[in-house]
Structure formats: structure tokens, C-alpha cells
Amino acid sequence: MWKLILLVLICVYLVHSCDMDQIRQGCRIQNRACSCGSGCMNEYRYDTIQECNNALRGKRTDICSPNPCQHGGSCLQISHHPGYKCLCEGTGYFGLRCNRACPRGITRDQTLPHECIVI
């Protein structure tokens, strides 16, 4: 039962890691494709699919091409510096560019980055 509660808490944290007044509908570039939905303002930076597609066609800069993320991480354009965020979950790495290996043999008091938690 406690594993289920932990999983729910992690999912809530990952999905809603911004304040409620910072959530918006929009589109973002992820893995060289436009994806529309709801999320944090700084991740859904385009108002429409058309605006997002224009960015993909080179009418706007795509900071995710080529992918700055290492070890299979997914690049996501965001509005604040450095202009992208690497999604490292499931890669065994964390950090700005998924360039830091997740710790092994952790102690009970050690805190793991959320990207390193395997359920």
C-alpha cells in the first residue's frame, strides 16, 4: 500500500510541479514534434499548433535541434534560460543535460533526484 501512495505522490509532483496560476493550455516541441496540452507556462510556450509548427520549420529557432540531452534524454523547449529542459526519467542519468549518473548503493538518509527513482 505504501508503494502505491509513494507512486501517486511522485506522479502528482511530476505532473503539477508548478503553481496552479502558472498552468496553461498550449503547445511545446518535444523530440522534434509539436505536442499540445496543459502544463506549466514555461513548458508550453506556443499558443497554437501553427506557431509550434512554424518553429519546427525553422521560422523560429529550435534549441532542441540537435538534441543537447545525453544518454537518450528528451529535449523540451521552455521559455526561461537556457531555453530547454532535458527529461531524463528512465535513462539512469540526471542533470541539466542528463549527464550525471544516478547514484548507486545509496544510504537510507540520501535523497535521490526524482529522475533516478525507479518504481
PDB file of N, CA and C in Angstrom:
ATOM      1  N   MET A   1       0.812  -1.190   0.000  1.00  0.00           N
ATOM      2  CA  MET A   1       0.000   0.000   0.000  1.00  0.00           C
ATOM      3  C   MET A   1       0.862   1.264   0.000  1.00  0.00           C
ATOM      4  N   TRP A   2       1.945   1.247   0.786  1.00  0.00           N
ATOM      5  CA  TRP A   2       2.794   2.442   0.853  1.00  0.00           C
ATOM      6  C   TRP A   2       3.482   2.711  -0.474  1.00  0.00           C
ATOM      7  N   LYS A   3       3.748   1.656  -1.269  1.00  0.00           N
ATOM      8  CA  LYS A   3       4.359   1.856  -2.590  1.00  0.00           C
ATOM      9  C   LYS A   3       3.391   2.587  -3.510  1.00  0.00           C
ATOM     10  N   LEU A   4       2.116   2.241  -3.435  1.00  0.00           N
ATOM     11  CA  LEU A   4       1.103   2.911  -4.243  1.00  0.00           C
ATOM     12  C   LEU A   4       0.990   4.382  -3.858  1.00  0.00           C
ATOM     13  N   ILE A   5       1.003   4.668  -2.575  1.00  0.00           N
ATOM     14  CA  ILE A   5       0.931   6.056  -2.121  1.00  0.00           C
ATOM     15  C   ILE A   5       2.143   6.841  -2.604  1.00  0.00           C
ATOM     16  N   LEU A   6       3.327   6.246  -2.513  1.00  0.00           N
ATOM     17  CA  LEU A   6       4.542   6.901  -2.988  1.00  0.00           C
ATOM     18  C   LEU A   6       4.458   7.169  -4.485  1.00  0.00           C
ATOM     19  N   LEU A   7       3.972   6.210  -5.249  1.00  0.00           N
ATOM     20  CA  LEU A   7       3.838   6.370  -6.695  1.00  0.00           C
ATOM     21  C   LEU A   7       2.892   7.520  -7.019  1.00  0.00           C
ATOM     22  N   VAL A   8       1.771   7.602  -6.334  1.00  0.00           N
ATOM     23  CA  VAL A   8       0.813   8.687  -6.562  1.00  0.00           C
ATOM     24  C   VAL A   8       1.440  10.033  -6.236  1.00  0.00           C
ATOM     25  N   LEU A   9       2.151  10.125  -5.125  1.00  0.00           N
ATOM     26  CA  LEU A   9       2.790  11.385  -4.747  1.00  0.00           C
ATOM     27  C   LEU A   9       3.834  11.812  -5.766  1.00  0.00           C
ATOM     28  N   ILE A  10       4.613  10.878  -6.263  1.00  0.00           N
ATOM     29  CA  ILE A  10       5.625  11.196  -7.276  1.00  0.00           C
ATOM     30  C   ILE A  10       4.954  11.670  -8.553  1.00  0.00           C
ATOM     31  N   CYS A  11       3.896  10.988  -8.977  1.00  0.00           N
ATOM     32  CA  CYS A  11       3.185  11.383 -10.195  1.00  0.00           C
ATOM     33  C   CYS A  11       2.583  12.772 -10.052  1.00  0.00           C
ATOM     34  N   VAL A  12       1.978  13.062  -8.918  1.00  0.00           N
ATOM     35  CA  VAL A  12       1.407  14.387  -8.682  1.00  0.00           C
ATOM     36  C   VAL A  12       2.506  15.435  -8.735  1.00  0.00           C
ATOM     37  N   TYR A  13       3.664  15.154  -8.125  1.00  0.00           N
ATOM     38  CA  TYR A  13       4.785  16.101  -8.141  1.00  0.00           C
ATOM     39  C   TYR A  13       5.257  16.346  -9.569  1.00  0.00           C
ATOM     40  N   LEU A  14       5.417  15.283 -10.352  1.00  0.00           N
ATOM     41  CA  LEU A  14       5.940  15.420 -11.706  1.00  0.00           C
ATOM     42  C   LEU A  14       4.961  16.149 -12.611  1.00  0.00           C
ATOM     43  N   VAL A  15       3.673  15.883 -12.463  1.00  0.00           N
ATOM     44  CA  VAL A  15       2.676  16.493 -13.330  1.00  0.00           C
ATOM     45  C   VAL A  15       2.402  17.940 -12.928  1.00  0.00           C
ATOM     46  N   HIS A  16       2.330  18.213 -11.630  1.00  0.00           N
ATOM     47  CA  HIS A  16       1.966  19.541 -11.157  1.00  0.00           C
ATOM     48  C   HIS A  16       3.122  20.185 -10.405  1.00  0.00           C
ATOM     49  N   SER A  17       4.267  20.317 -11.053  1.00  0.00           N
ATOM     50  CA  SER A  17       5.411  20.909 -10.381  1.00  0.00           C
ATOM     51  C   SER A  17       5.459  22.425 -10.572  1.00  0.00           C
ATOM     52  N   CYS A  18       4.312  23.022 -10.874  1.00  0.00           N
ATOM     53  CA  CYS A  18       4.230  24.477 -10.926  1.00  0.00           C
ATOM     54  C   CYS A  18       2.967  24.908 -10.183  1.00  0.00           C
ATOM     55  N   ASP A  19       2.913  26.182  -9.832  1.00  0.00           N
ATOM     56  CA  ASP A  19       1.751  26.717  -9.134  1.00  0.00           C
ATOM     57  C   ASP A  19       0.526  26.672 -10.042  1.00  0.00           C
ATOM     58  N   MET A  20      -0.640  26.540  -9.445  1.00  0.00           N
ATOM     59  CA  MET A  20      -1.879  26.441 -10.221  1.00  0.00           C
ATOM     60  C   MET A  20      -2.088  27.645 -11.131  1.00  0.00           C
ATOM     61  N   ASP A  21      -1.658  28.847 -10.710  1.00  0.00           N
ATOM     62  CA  ASP A  21      -1.824  30.021 -11.559  1.00  0.00           C
ATOM     63  C   ASP A  21      -0.798  30.068 -12.695  1.00  0.00           C
ATOM     64  N   GLN A  22       0.111  29.107 -12.739  1.00  0.00           N
ATOM     65  CA  GLN A  22       1.120  29.032 -13.799  1.00  0.00           C
ATOM     66  C   GLN A  22       0.799  27.954 -14.834  1.00  0.00           C
ATOM     67  N   ILE A  23      -0.360  27.303 -14.722  1.00  0.00           N
ATOM     68  CA  ILE A  23      -0.758  26.258 -15.666  1.00  0.00           C
ATOM     69  C   ILE A  23      -1.516  26.893 -16.830  1.00  0.00           C
ATOM     70  N   ARG A  24      -1.236  26.419 -18.048  1.00  0.00           N
ATOM     71  CA  ARG A  24      -1.906  26.952 -19.227  1.00  0.00           C
ATOM     72  C   ARG A  24      -2.066  25.882 -20.294  1.00  0.00           C
ATOM     73  N   GLN A  25      -2.922  26.144 -21.256  1.00  0.00           N
ATOM     74  CA  GLN A  25      -3.080  25.317 -22.447  1.00  0.00           C
ATOM     75  C   GLN A  25      -2.125  25.871 -23.491  1.00  0.00           C
ATOM     76  N   GLY A  26      -1.475  24.999 -24.230  1.00  0.00           N
ATOM     77  CA  GLY A  26      -0.580  25.453 -25.273  1.00  0.00           C
ATOM     78  C   GLY A  26       0.115  24.286 -25.934  1.00  0.00           C
ATOM     79  N   CYS A  27       1.174  24.582 -26.652  1.00  0.00           N
ATOM     80  CA  CYS A  27       1.937  23.566 -27.366  1.00  0.00           C
ATOM     81  C   CYS A  27       3.413  23.718 -27.039  1.00  0.00           C
ATOM     82  N   ARG A  28       4.155  22.625 -27.229  1.00  0.00           N
ATOM     83  CA  ARG A  28       5.594  22.635 -26.985  1.00  0.00           C
ATOM     84  C   ARG A  28       6.259  21.704 -27.978  1.00  0.00           C
ATOM     85  N   ILE A  29       7.556  21.877 -28.149  1.00  0.00           N
ATOM     86  CA  ILE A  29       8.340  20.989 -29.006  1.00  0.00           C
ATOM     87  C   ILE A  29       9.003  19.972 -28.107  1.00  0.00           C
ATOM     88  N   GLN A  30       8.772  18.706 -28.427  1.00  0.00           N
ATOM     89  CA  GLN A  30       9.380  17.617 -27.683  1.00  0.00           C
ATOM     90  C   GLN A  30       9.755  16.543 -28.683  1.00  0.00           C
ATOM     91  N   ASN A  31      11.027  16.166 -28.682  1.00  0.00           N
ATOM     92  CA  ASN A  31      11.545  15.160 -29.614  1.00  0.00           C
ATOM     93  C   ASN A  31      11.231  15.502 -31.068  1.00  0.00           C
ATOM     94  N   ARG A  32      11.451  16.758 -31.433  1.00  0.00           N
ATOM     95  CA  ARG A  32      11.290  17.255 -32.795  1.00  0.00           C
ATOM     96  C   ARG A  32       9.873  17.127 -33.326  1.00  0.00           C
ATOM     97  N   ALA A  33       8.888  17.205 -32.437  1.00  0.00           N
ATOM     98  CA  ALA A  33       7.479  17.193 -32.826  1.00  0.00           C
ATOM     99  C   ALA A  33       6.706  18.111 -31.893  1.00  0.00           C
ATOM    100  N   CYS A  34       5.596  18.661 -32.388  1.00  0.00           N
ATOM    101  CA  CYS A  34       4.749  19.511 -31.562  1.00  0.00           C
ATOM    102  C   CYS A  34       3.798  18.648 -30.753  1.00  0.00           C
ATOM    103  N   SER A  35       3.657  19.013 -29.505  1.00  0.00           N
ATOM    104  CA  SER A  35       2.753  18.334 -28.588  1.00  0.00           C
ATOM    105  C   SER A  35       1.942  19.398 -27.875  1.00  0.00           C
ATOM    106  N   CYS A  36       0.621  19.282 -27.917  1.00  0.00           N
ATOM    107  CA  CYS A  36      -0.242  20.280 -27.293  1.00  0.00           C
ATOM    108  C   CYS A  36      -0.961  19.674 -26.099  1.00  0.00           C
ATOM    109  N   GLY A  37      -1.238  20.496 -25.110  1.00  0.00           N
ATOM    110  CA  GLY A  37      -1.926  20.035 -23.916  1.00  0.00           C
ATOM    111  C   GLY A  37      -1.875  21.089 -22.833  1.00  0.00           C
ATOM    112  N   SER A  38      -1.936  20.660 -21.593  1.00  0.00           N
ATOM    113  CA  SER A  38      -1.895  21.558 -20.446  1.00  0.00           C
ATOM    114  C   SER A  38      -0.641  21.314 -19.645  1.00  0.00           C
ATOM    115  N   GLY A  39      -0.102  22.354 -19.053  1.00  0.00           N
ATOM    116  CA  GLY A  39       1.072  22.223 -18.208  1.00  0.00           C
ATOM    117  C   GLY A  39       1.559  23.577 -17.759  1.00  0.00           C
ATOM    118  N   CYS A  40       2.765  23.614 -17.264  1.00  0.00           N
ATOM    119  CA  CYS A  40       3.354  24.866 -16.787  1.00  0.00           C
ATOM    120  C   CYS A  40       3.589  25.827 -17.952  1.00  0.00           C
ATOM    121  N   MET A  41       3.369  27.100 -17.690  1.00  0.00           N
ATOM    122  CA  MET A  41       3.547  28.131 -18.725  1.00  0.00           C
ATOM    123  C   MET A  41       4.906  28.069 -19.390  1.00  0.00           C
ATOM    124  N   ASN A  42       5.943  27.839 -18.588  1.00  0.00           N
ATOM    125  CA  ASN A  42       7.293  27.882 -19.146  1.00  0.00           C
ATOM    126  C   ASN A  42       7.592  26.669 -20.024  1.00  0.00           C
ATOM    127  N   GLU A  43       6.781  25.613 -19.971  1.00  0.00           N
ATOM    128  CA  GLU A  43       6.995  24.450 -20.830  1.00  0.00           C
ATOM    129  C   GLU A  43       6.127  24.491 -22.082  1.00  0.00           C
ATOM    130  N   TYR A  44       4.920  25.035 -21.982  1.00  0.00           N
ATOM    131  CA  TYR A  44       4.011  25.141 -23.128  1.00  0.00           C
ATOM    132  C   TYR A  44       4.103  26.556 -23.666  1.00  0.00           C
ATOM    133  N   ARG A  45       5.152  26.822 -24.414  1.00  0.00           N
ATOM    134  CA  ARG A  45       5.472  28.193 -24.783  1.00  0.00           C
ATOM    135  C   ARG A  45       4.740  28.694 -26.010  1.00  0.00           C
ATOM    136  N   TYR A  46       4.161  27.809 -26.842  1.00  0.00           N
ATOM    137  CA  TYR A  46       3.457  28.235 -28.045  1.00  0.00           C
ATOM    138  C   TYR A  46       1.955  28.216 -27.801  1.00  0.00           C
ATOM    139  N   ASP A  47       1.270  29.243 -28.302  1.00  0.00           N
ATOM    140  CA  ASP A  47      -0.175  29.347 -28.090  1.00  0.00           C
ATOM    141  C   ASP A  47      -0.954  28.366 -28.960  1.00  0.00           C
ATOM    142  N   THR A  48      -0.466  28.104 -30.168  1.00  0.00           N
ATOM    143  CA  THR A  48      -1.203  27.257 -31.111  1.00  0.00           C
ATOM    144  C   THR A  48      -0.272  26.226 -31.745  1.00  0.00           C
ATOM    145  N   ILE A  49      -0.879  25.211 -32.350  1.00  0.00           N
ATOM    146  CA  ILE A  49      -0.111  24.195 -33.081  1.00  0.00           C
ATOM    147  C   ILE A  49       0.596  24.839 -34.282  1.00  0.00           C
ATOM    148  N   GLN A  50      -0.051  25.835 -34.904  1.00  0.00           N
ATOM    149  CA  GLN A  50       0.552  26.548 -36.042  1.00  0.00           C
ATOM    150  C   GLN A  50       1.848  27.238 -35.627  1.00  0.00           C
ATOM    151  N   GLU A  51       1.816  27.935 -34.506  1.00  0.00           N
ATOM    152  CA  GLU A  51       3.014  28.618 -34.007  1.00  0.00           C
ATOM    153  C   GLU A  51       4.117  27.610 -33.706  1.00  0.00           C
ATOM    154  N   CYS A  52       3.751  26.490 -33.132  1.00  0.00           N
ATOM    155  CA  CYS A  52       4.723  25.439 -32.827  1.00  0.00           C
ATOM    156  C   CYS A  52       5.316  24.856 -34.108  1.00  0.00           C
ATOM    157  N   ASN A  53       4.462  24.567 -35.084  1.00  0.00           N
ATOM    158  CA  ASN A  53       4.943  24.023 -36.364  1.00  0.00           C
ATOM    159  C   ASN A  53       5.846  25.005 -37.090  1.00  0.00           C
ATOM    160  N   ASN A  54       5.548  26.308 -36.987  1.00  0.00           N
ATOM    161  CA  ASN A  54       6.433  27.316 -37.579  1.00  0.00           C
ATOM    162  C   ASN A  54       7.828  27.245 -36.963  1.00  0.00           C
ATOM    163  N   ALA A  55       7.882  27.023 -35.667  1.00  0.00           N
ATOM    164  CA  ALA A  55       9.177  26.889 -35.000  1.00  0.00           C
ATOM    165  C   ALA A  55       9.912  25.653 -35.519  1.00  0.00           C
ATOM    166  N   LEU A  56       9.186  24.574 -35.734  1.00  0.00           N
ATOM    167  CA  LEU A  56       9.815  23.354 -36.254  1.00  0.00           C
ATOM    168  C   LEU A  56      10.331  23.538 -37.678  1.00  0.00           C
ATOM    169  N   ARG A  57       9.643  24.346 -38.477  1.00  0.00           N
ATOM    170  CA  ARG A  57      10.046  24.558 -39.867  1.00  0.00           C
ATOM    171  C   ARG A  57      11.182  25.558 -40.010  1.00  0.00           C
ATOM    172  N   GLY A  58      11.707  26.027 -38.891  1.00  0.00           N
ATOM    173  CA  GLY A  58      12.844  26.937 -38.969  1.00  0.00           C
ATOM    174  C   GLY A  58      12.470  28.395 -38.991  1.00  0.00           C
ATOM    175  N   LYS A  59      11.184  28.702 -38.914  1.00  0.00           N
ATOM    176  CA  LYS A  59      10.778  30.100 -38.870  1.00  0.00           C
ATOM    177  C   LYS A  59      11.070  30.686 -37.497  1.00  0.00           C
ATOM    178  N   ARG A  60      11.301  29.801 -36.523  1.00  0.00           N
ATOM    179  CA  ARG A  60      11.782  30.181 -35.200  1.00  0.00           C
ATOM    180  C   ARG A  60      12.868  29.181 -34.832  1.00  0.00           C
ATOM    181  N   THR A  61      13.735  29.556 -33.948  1.00  0.00           N
ATOM    182  CA  THR A  61      14.842  28.686 -33.562  1.00  0.00           C
ATOM    183  C   THR A  61      14.360  27.530 -32.711  1.00  0.00           C
ATOM    184  N   ASP A  62      14.800  26.319 -33.058  1.00  0.00           N
ATOM    185  CA  ASP A  62      14.518  25.140 -32.244  1.00  0.00           C
ATOM    186  C   ASP A  62      15.795  24.795 -31.485  1.00  0.00           C
ATOM    187  N   ILE A  63      15.846  25.170 -30.239  1.00  0.00           N
ATOM    188  CA  ILE A  63      17.039  24.947 -29.419  1.00  0.00           C
ATOM    189  C   ILE A  63      17.275  23.457 -29.174  1.00  0.00           C
ATOM    190  N   CYS A  64      16.271  22.639 -29.443  1.00  0.00           N
ATOM    191  CA  CYS A  64      16.391  21.190 -29.227  1.00  0.00           C
ATOM    192  C   CYS A  64      16.942  20.452 -30.448  1.00  0.00           C
ATOM    193  N   SER A  65      17.326  21.169 -31.473  1.00  0.00           N
ATOM    194  CA  SER A  65      17.893  20.517 -32.652  1.00  0.00           C
ATOM    195  C   SER A  65      19.254  21.135 -32.946  1.00  0.00           C
ATOM    196  N   PRO A  66      20.327  20.380 -32.803  1.00  0.00           N
ATOM    197  CA  PRO A  66      20.377  18.975 -32.384  1.00  0.00           C
ATOM    198  C   PRO A  66      20.108  18.843 -30.883  1.00  0.00           C
ATOM    199  N   ASN A  67      19.704  17.654 -30.486  1.00  0.00           N
ATOM    200  CA  ASN A  67      19.326  17.375 -29.105  1.00  0.00           C
ATOM    201  C   ASN A  67      20.519  17.565 -28.164  1.00  0.00           C
ATOM    202  N   PRO A  68      20.423  18.527 -27.210  1.00  0.00           N
ATOM    203  CA  PRO A  68      21.525  18.742 -26.265  1.00  0.00           C
ATOM    204  C   PRO A  68      21.549  17.713 -25.124  1.00  0.00           C
ATOM    205  N   CYS A  69      20.514  16.887 -25.028  1.00  0.00           N
ATOM    206  CA  CYS A  69      20.401  15.922 -23.935  1.00  0.00           C
ATOM    207  C   CYS A  69      21.204  14.662 -24.251  1.00  0.00           C
ATOM    208  N   GLN A  70      21.888  14.156 -23.256  1.00  0.00           N
ATOM    209  CA  GLN A  70      22.718  12.971 -23.427  1.00  0.00           C
ATOM    210  C   GLN A  70      21.987  11.730 -22.929  1.00  0.00           C
ATOM    211  N   HIS A  71      22.543  10.579 -23.225  1.00  0.00           N
ATOM    212  CA  HIS A  71      22.085   9.286 -22.720  1.00  0.00           C
ATOM    213  C   HIS A  71      20.608   9.006 -22.986  1.00  0.00           C
ATOM    214  N   GLY A  72      20.098   9.466 -24.123  1.00  0.00           N
ATOM    215  CA  GLY A  72      18.715   9.187 -24.501  1.00  0.00           C
ATOM    216  C   GLY A  72      17.687  10.100 -23.872  1.00  0.00           C
ATOM    217  N   GLY A  73      18.111  11.185 -23.240  1.00  0.00           N
ATOM    218  CA  GLY A  73      17.162  12.137 -22.656  1.00  0.00           C
ATOM    219  C   GLY A  73      16.386  12.876 -23.740  1.00  0.00           C
ATOM    220  N   SER A  74      15.155  13.281 -23.421  1.00  0.00           N
ATOM    221  CA  SER A  74      14.304  14.009 -24.357  1.00  0.00           C
ATOM    222  C   SER A  74      14.420  15.502 -24.111  1.00  0.00           C
ATOM    223  N   CYS A  75      14.528  16.265 -25.177  1.00  0.00           N
ATOM    224  CA  CYS A  75      14.651  17.714 -25.085  1.00  0.00           C
ATOM    225  C   CYS A  75      13.266  18.351 -25.182  1.00  0.00           C
ATOM    226  N   LEU A  76      13.024  19.311 -24.299  1.00  0.00           N
ATOM    227  CA  LEU A  76      11.760  20.035 -24.259  1.00  0.00           C
ATOM    228  C   LEU A  76      12.075  21.520 -24.235  1.00  0.00           C
ATOM    229  N   GLN A  77      11.538  22.288 -25.209  1.00  0.00           N
ATOM    230  CA  GLN A  77      11.760  23.730 -25.207  1.00  0.00           C
ATOM    231  C   GLN A  77      10.980  24.370 -24.082  1.00  0.00           C
ATOM    232  N   ILE A  78      11.613  25.322 -23.403  1.00  0.00           N
ATOM    233  CA  ILE A  78      10.959  26.094 -22.349  1.00  0.00           C
ATOM    234  C   ILE A  78      11.273  27.571 -22.561  1.00  0.00           C
ATOM    235  N   SER A  79      10.566  28.433 -21.858  1.00  0.00           N
ATOM    236  CA  SER A  79      10.725  29.866 -22.098  1.00  0.00           C
ATOM    237  C   SER A  79      11.854  30.510 -21.304  1.00  0.00           C
ATOM    238  N   HIS A  80      12.332  29.881 -20.253  1.00  0.00           N
ATOM    239  CA  HIS A  80      13.396  30.509 -19.477  1.00  0.00           C
ATOM    240  C   HIS A  80      14.754  29.878 -19.801  1.00  0.00           C
ATOM    241  N   HIS A  81      15.822  30.551 -19.397  1.00  0.00           N
ATOM    242  CA  HIS A  81      17.192  30.132 -19.687  1.00  0.00           C
ATOM    243  C   HIS A  81      17.442  28.727 -19.146  1.00  0.00           C
ATOM    244  N   PRO A  82      18.052  27.837 -19.886  1.00  0.00           N
ATOM    245  CA  PRO A  82      18.742  28.006 -21.162  1.00  0.00           C
ATOM    246  C   PRO A  82      17.865  27.804 -22.390  1.00  0.00           C
ATOM    247  N   GLY A  83      16.544  27.732 -22.242  1.00  0.00           N
ATOM    248  CA  GLY A  83      15.646  27.575 -23.383  1.00  0.00           C
ATOM    249  C   GLY A  83      15.217  26.142 -23.619  1.00  0.00           C
ATOM    250  N   TYR A  84      15.746  25.207 -22.830  1.00  0.00           N
ATOM    251  CA  TYR A  84      15.345  23.809 -22.948  1.00  0.00           C
ATOM    252  C   TYR A  84      15.445  23.136 -21.587  1.00  0.00           C
ATOM    253  N   LYS A  85      14.788  21.991 -21.511  1.00  0.00           N
ATOM    254  CA  LYS A  85      14.848  21.166 -20.313  1.00  0.00           C
ATOM    255  C   LYS A  85      14.990  19.735 -20.787  1.00  0.00           C
ATOM    256  N   CYS A  86      15.926  19.018 -20.225  1.00  0.00           N
ATOM    257  CA  CYS A  86      16.097  17.609 -20.577  1.00  0.00           C
ATOM    258  C   CYS A  86      15.263  16.745 -19.640  1.00  0.00           C
ATOM    259  N   LEU A  87      14.467  15.873 -20.216  1.00  0.00           N
ATOM    260  CA  LEU A  87      13.674  14.915 -19.452  1.00  0.00           C
ATOM    261  C   LEU A  87      14.481  13.627 -19.395  1.00  0.00           C
ATOM    262  N   CYS A  88      15.010  13.327 -18.219  1.00  0.00           N
ATOM    263  CA  CYS A  88      15.972  12.230 -18.052  1.00  0.00           C
ATOM    264  C   CYS A  88      15.364  10.968 -17.464  1.00  0.00           C
ATOM    265  N   GLU A  89      14.092  10.984 -17.100  1.00  0.00           N
ATOM    266  CA  GLU A  89      13.474   9.841 -16.438  1.00  0.00           C
ATOM    267  C   GLU A  89      13.679   8.561 -17.255  1.00  0.00           C
ATOM    268  N   GLY A  90      14.082   7.510 -16.574  1.00  0.00           N
ATOM    269  CA  GLY A  90      14.262   6.211 -17.215  1.00  0.00           C
ATOM    270  C   GLY A  90      15.593   6.019 -17.910  1.00  0.00           C
ATOM    271  N   THR A  91      16.478   7.012 -17.863  1.00  0.00           N
ATOM    272  CA  THR A  91      17.772   6.896 -18.547  1.00  0.00           C
ATOM    273  C   THR A  91      18.891   6.447 -17.617  1.00  0.00           C
ATOM    274  N   GLY A  92      18.678   6.575 -16.303  1.00  0.00           N
ATOM    275  CA  GLY A  92      19.740   6.276 -15.342  1.00  0.00           C
ATOM    276  C   GLY A  92      20.658   7.466 -15.115  1.00  0.00           C
ATOM    277  N   TYR A  93      20.251   8.640 -15.649  1.00  0.00           N
ATOM    278  CA  TYR A  93      21.044   9.861 -15.522  1.00  0.00           C
ATOM    279  C   TYR A  93      20.142  11.007 -15.109  1.00  0.00           C
ATOM    280  N   PHE A  94      20.741  12.094 -14.604  1.00  0.00           N
ATOM    281  CA  PHE A  94      20.023  13.307 -14.253  1.00  0.00           C
ATOM    282  C   PHE A  94      20.927  14.483 -14.534  1.00  0.00           C
ATOM    283  N   GLY A  95      20.439  15.688 -14.296  1.00  0.00           N
ATOM    284  CA  GLY A  95      21.223  16.898 -14.528  1.00  0.00           C
ATOM    285  C   GLY A  95      20.695  17.680 -15.711  1.00  0.00           C
ATOM    286  N   LEU A  96      21.250  18.860 -15.931  1.00  0.00           N
ATOM    287  CA  LEU A  96      20.789  19.751 -16.993  1.00  0.00           C
ATOM    288  C   LEU A  96      20.728  19.056 -18.346  1.00  0.00           C
ATOM    289  N   ARG A  97      21.717  18.219 -18.637  1.00  0.00           N
ATOM    290  CA  ARG A  97      21.761  17.518 -19.933  1.00  0.00           C
ATOM    291  C   ARG A  97      21.736  16.000 -19.783  1.00  0.00           C
ATOM    292  N   CYS A  98      21.196  15.500 -18.695  1.00  0.00           N
ATOM    293  CA  CYS A  98      21.188  14.047 -18.412  1.00  0.00           C
ATOM    294  C   CYS A  98      22.622  13.523 -18.449  1.00  0.00           C
ATOM    295  N   ASN A  99      23.528  14.289 -17.871  1.00  0.00           N
ATOM    296  CA  ASN A  99      24.948  13.970 -17.950  1.00  0.00           C
ATOM    297  C   ASN A  99      25.539  13.464 -16.638  1.00  0.00           C
ATOM    298  N   ARG A 100      24.725  13.355 -15.592  1.00  0.00           N
ATOM    299  CA  ARG A 100      25.215  12.870 -14.296  1.00  0.00           C
ATOM    300  C   ARG A 100      24.573  11.525 -13.992  1.00  0.00           C
ATOM    301  N   ALA A 101      25.386  10.518 -13.741  1.00  0.00           N
ATOM    302  CA  ALA A 101      24.874   9.174 -13.461  1.00  0.00           C
ATOM    303  C   ALA A 101      24.137   9.153 -12.127  1.00  0.00           C
ATOM    304  N   CYS A 102      23.020   8.440 -12.107  1.00  0.00           N
ATOM    305  CA  CYS A 102      22.277   8.278 -10.855  1.00  0.00           C
ATOM    306  C   CYS A 102      23.132   7.503  -9.862  1.00  0.00           C
ATOM    307  N   PRO A 103      23.082   7.888  -8.587  1.00  0.00           N
ATOM    308  CA  PRO A 103      23.889   7.203  -7.574  1.00  0.00           C
ATOM    309  C   PRO A 103      23.446   5.753  -7.384  1.00  0.00           C
ATOM    310  N   ARG A 104      24.397   4.915  -7.041  1.00  0.00           N
ATOM    311  CA  ARG A 104      24.120   3.507  -6.740  1.00  0.00           C
ATOM    312  C   ARG A 104      24.526   3.244  -5.307  1.00  0.00           C
ATOM    313  N   GLY A 105      23.936   2.247  -4.703  1.00  0.00           N
ATOM    314  CA  GLY A 105      24.293   1.911  -3.330  1.00  0.00           C
ATOM    315  C   GLY A 105      24.020   3.048  -2.372  1.00  0.00           C
ATOM    316  N   ILE A 106      22.842   3.618  -2.460  1.00  0.00           N
ATOM    317  CA  ILE A 106      22.530   4.776  -1.621  1.00  0.00           C
ATOM    318  C   ILE A 106      22.267   4.361  -0.175  1.00  0.00           C
ATOM    319  N   THR A 107      22.446   5.313   0.694  1.00  0.00           N
ATOM    320  CA  THR A 107      22.169   5.087   2.119  1.00  0.00           C
ATOM    321  C   THR A 107      20.739   5.517   2.416  1.00  0.00           C
ATOM    322  N   ARG A 108      20.280   5.165   3.568  1.00  0.00           N
ATOM    323  CA  ARG A 108      18.902   5.454   3.969  1.00  0.00           C
ATOM    324  C   ARG A 108      18.624   6.953   4.028  1.00  0.00           C
ATOM    325  N   ASP A 109      19.603   7.753   4.403  1.00  0.00           N
ATOM    326  CA  ASP A 109      19.411   9.196   4.566  1.00  0.00           C
ATOM    327  C   ASP A 109      19.646   9.989   3.284  1.00  0.00           C
ATOM    328  N   GLN A 110      20.094   9.342   2.236  1.00  0.00           N
ATOM    329  CA  GLN A 110      20.424  10.040   0.999  1.00  0.00           C
ATOM    330  C   GLN A 110      19.157  10.344   0.198  1.00  0.00           C
ATOM    331  N   THR A 111      19.090  11.529  -0.378  1.00  0.00           N
ATOM    332  CA  THR A 111      17.974  11.938  -1.217  1.00  0.00           C
ATOM    333  C   THR A 111      18.363  11.776  -2.684  1.00  0.00           C
ATOM    334  N   LEU A 112      17.486  11.123  -3.444  1.00  0.00           N
ATOM    335  CA  LEU A 112      17.736  10.912  -4.866  1.00  0.00           C
ATOM    336  C   LEU A 112      17.044  11.988  -5.699  1.00  0.00           C
ATOM    337  N   PRO A 113      17.647  12.393  -6.818  1.00  0.00           N
ATOM    338  CA  PRO A 113      16.905  13.237  -7.765  1.00  0.00           C
ATOM    339  C   PRO A 113      15.713  12.433  -8.272  1.00  0.00           C
ATOM    340  N   HIS A 114      14.588  13.104  -8.563  1.00  0.00           N
ATOM    341  CA  HIS A 114      13.401  12.369  -8.991  1.00  0.00           C
ATOM    342  C   HIS A 114      13.614  11.558 -10.260  1.00  0.00           C
ATOM    343  N   GLU A 115      14.539  11.977 -11.121  1.00  0.00           N
ATOM    344  CA  GLU A 115      14.828  11.243 -12.348  1.00  0.00           C
ATOM    345  C   GLU A 115      15.410   9.857 -12.068  1.00  0.00           C
ATOM    346  N   CYS A 116      15.977   9.670 -10.889  1.00  0.00           N
ATOM    347  CA  CYS A 116      16.659   8.430 -10.536  1.00  0.00           C
ATOM    348  C   CYS A 116      15.769   7.443  -9.787  1.00  0.00           C
ATOM    349  N   ILE A 117      14.563   7.849  -9.445  1.00  0.00           N
ATOM    350  CA  ILE A 117      13.666   6.965  -8.703  1.00  0.00           C
ATOM    351  C   ILE A 117      13.034   5.969  -9.662  1.00  0.00           C
ATOM    352  N   VAL A 118      13.226   4.693  -9.381  1.00  0.00           N
ATOM    353  CA  VAL A 118      12.650   3.627 -10.194  1.00  0.00           C
ATOM    354  C   VAL A 118      11.616   2.913  -9.354  1.00  0.00           C
ATOM    355  N   ILE A 119      10.412   2.841  -9.891  1.00  0.00           N
ATOM    356  CA  ILE A 119       9.326   2.187  -9.154  1.00  0.00           C
ATOM    357  C   ILE A 119       8.932   0.918  -9.874  1.00  0.00           C
TER     358      ILE A 119
END
